[in-house]
Amino acid sequence: MRAPKSFEEGMDRLNAILAQMQQEDTSLADSVKLYAEAATLMQYCHATLEKTSLQIEEINARLAQTVEAPQEQEEE
């Protein structure tokens, strides 16, 4: 399995795997392979969400500093 190029691509593949696993003609052996691929994709998507969350927190912290700085100057 190759790594997805984006979070969205990973989610699309996860949805495709889910659909394939729900098909009655998917063998147990194939289901196990698909499950293993899905587990790897879920790790990738989770890590991507964590990274994005940290980026948003950093942006919010910078915004908070920007908002606080003018208020401190006004108080002086």
C-alpha atoms as a PDB file:
ATOM      1  CA  MET A   1       0.000   0.000   0.000  1.00  0.00           C
ATOM      2  CA  ARG A   2       1.292   3.443  -0.872  1.00  0.00           C
ATOM      3  CA  ALA A   3       0.787   6.351   1.482  1.00  0.00           C
ATOM      4  CA  PRO A   4      -2.078   8.676   0.577  1.00  0.00           C
ATOM      5  CA  LYS A   5      -1.196  12.069  -0.853  1.00  0.00           C
ATOM      6  CA  SER A   6      -3.687  13.833   1.396  1.00  0.00           C
ATOM      7  CA  PHE A   7      -6.087  13.352   4.281  1.00  0.00           C
ATOM      8  CA  GLU A   8      -8.980  13.377   1.815  1.00  0.00           C
ATOM      9  CA  GLU A   9      -7.384  10.662  -0.295  1.00  0.00           C
ATOM     10  CA  GLY A  10      -6.892   8.570   2.838  1.00  0.00           C
ATOM     11  CA  MET A  11     -10.516   8.998   3.838  1.00  0.00           C
ATOM     12  CA  ASP A  12     -11.697   8.141   0.334  1.00  0.00           C
ATOM     13  CA  ARG A  13      -9.654   4.936   0.425  1.00  0.00           C
ATOM     14  CA  LEU A  14     -11.025   4.082   3.877  1.00  0.00           C
ATOM     15  CA  ASN A  15     -14.571   4.474   2.543  1.00  0.00           C
ATOM     16  CA  ALA A  16     -13.722   2.254  -0.426  1.00  0.00           C
ATOM     17  CA  ILE A  17     -12.276  -0.383   1.899  1.00  0.00           C
ATOM     18  CA  LEU A  18     -15.399  -0.294   4.058  1.00  0.00           C
ATOM     19  CA  ALA A  19     -17.606  -0.766   1.010  1.00  0.00           C
ATOM     20  CA  GLN A  20     -15.455  -3.636  -0.215  1.00  0.00           C
ATOM     21  CA  MET A  21     -15.484  -5.344   3.192  1.00  0.00           C
ATOM     22  CA  GLN A  22     -19.281  -5.117   3.303  1.00  0.00           C
ATOM     23  CA  GLN A  23     -19.649  -7.010   0.041  1.00  0.00           C
ATOM     24  CA  GLU A  24     -20.803 -10.574   0.550  1.00  0.00           C
ATOM     25  CA  ASP A  25     -18.280 -11.970  -1.933  1.00  0.00           C
ATOM     26  CA  THR A  26     -15.238 -10.583  -0.073  1.00  0.00           C
ATOM     27  CA  SER A  27     -13.341 -13.524   1.368  1.00  0.00           C
ATOM     28  CA  LEU A  28     -12.116 -13.669   4.935  1.00  0.00           C
ATOM     29  CA  ALA A  29      -8.505 -13.545   3.746  1.00  0.00           C
ATOM     30  CA  ASP A  30      -9.212 -10.431   1.676  1.00  0.00           C
ATOM     31  CA  SER A  31     -11.067  -8.871   4.605  1.00  0.00           C
ATOM     32  CA  VAL A  32      -8.008  -9.321   6.818  1.00  0.00           C
ATOM     33  CA  LYS A  33      -5.780  -7.654   4.205  1.00  0.00           C
ATOM     34  CA  LEU A  34      -8.251  -4.812   3.844  1.00  0.00           C
ATOM     35  CA  TYR A  35      -8.463  -4.447   7.617  1.00  0.00           C
ATOM     36  CA  ALA A  36      -4.677  -4.160   7.843  1.00  0.00           C
ATOM     37  CA  GLU A  37      -4.665  -1.481   5.149  1.00  0.00           C
ATOM     38  CA  ALA A  38      -7.492   0.358   6.901  1.00  0.00           C
ATOM     39  CA  ALA A  39      -5.591   0.319  10.203  1.00  0.00           C
ATOM     40  CA  THR A  40      -2.584   1.936   8.527  1.00  0.00           C
ATOM     41  CA  LEU A  41      -4.789   4.529   6.848  1.00  0.00           C
ATOM     42  CA  MET A  42      -6.504   5.322  10.145  1.00  0.00           C
ATOM     43  CA  GLN A  43      -3.105   5.937  11.758  1.00  0.00           C
ATOM     44  CA  TYR A  44      -2.150   8.247   8.894  1.00  0.00           C
ATOM     45  CA  CYS A  45      -5.444  10.176   9.080  1.00  0.00           C
ATOM     46  CA  HIS A  46      -5.236  10.462  12.876  1.00  0.00           C
ATOM     47  CA  ALA A  47      -1.656  11.773  12.697  1.00  0.00           C
ATOM     48  CA  THR A  48      -2.693  14.257  10.020  1.00  0.00           C
ATOM     49  CA  LEU A  49      -5.577  15.509  12.171  1.00  0.00           C
ATOM     50  CA  GLU A  50      -3.266  15.856  15.180  1.00  0.00           C
ATOM     51  CA  LYS A  51      -0.766  17.857  13.129  1.00  0.00           C
ATOM     52  CA  THR A  52      -3.532  20.077  11.799  1.00  0.00           C
ATOM     53  CA  SER A  53      -4.901  20.605  15.296  1.00  0.00           C
ATOM     54  CA  LEU A  54      -1.470  21.758  16.496  1.00  0.00           C
ATOM     55  CA  GLN A  55      -1.201  24.155  13.566  1.00  0.00           C
ATOM     56  CA  ILE A  56      -4.599  25.643  14.428  1.00  0.00           C
ATOM     57  CA  GLU A  57      -3.595  26.010  18.084  1.00  0.00           C
ATOM     58  CA  GLU A  58      -0.424  27.853  17.013  1.00  0.00           C
ATOM     59  CA  ILE A  59      -2.422  30.178  14.777  1.00  0.00           C
ATOM     60  CA  ASN A  60      -4.905  30.859  17.571  1.00  0.00           C
ATOM     61  CA  ALA A  61      -2.065  31.590  20.010  1.00  0.00           C
ATOM     62  CA  ARG A  62      -0.562  34.103  17.571  1.00  0.00           C
ATOM     63  CA  LEU A  63      -3.963  35.714  17.069  1.00  0.00           C
ATOM     64  CA  ALA A  64      -4.459  35.964  20.810  1.00  0.00           C
ATOM     65  CA  GLN A  65      -1.077  37.690  21.172  1.00  0.00           C
ATOM     66  CA  THR A  66      -1.975  40.113  18.394  1.00  0.00           C
ATOM     67  CA  VAL A  67      -5.279  40.962  20.046  1.00  0.00           C
ATOM     68  CA  GLU A  68      -3.722  41.310  23.527  1.00  0.00           C
ATOM     69  CA  ALA A  69      -0.827  43.549  22.414  1.00  0.00           C
ATOM     70  CA  PRO A  70      -2.988  46.511  21.268  1.00  0.00           C
ATOM     71  CA  GLN A  71      -5.116  46.252  24.406  1.00  0.00           C
ATOM     72  CA  GLU A  72      -2.006  46.436  26.609  1.00  0.00           C
ATOM     73  CA  GLN A  73      -0.836  49.539  24.735  1.00  0.00           C
ATOM     74  CA  GLU A  74      -4.212  51.205  25.233  1.00  0.00           C
ATOM     75  CA  GLU A  75      -4.080  50.542  28.992  1.00  0.00           C
ATOM     76  CA  GLU A  76      -0.729  52.334  29.369  1.00  0.00           C
END
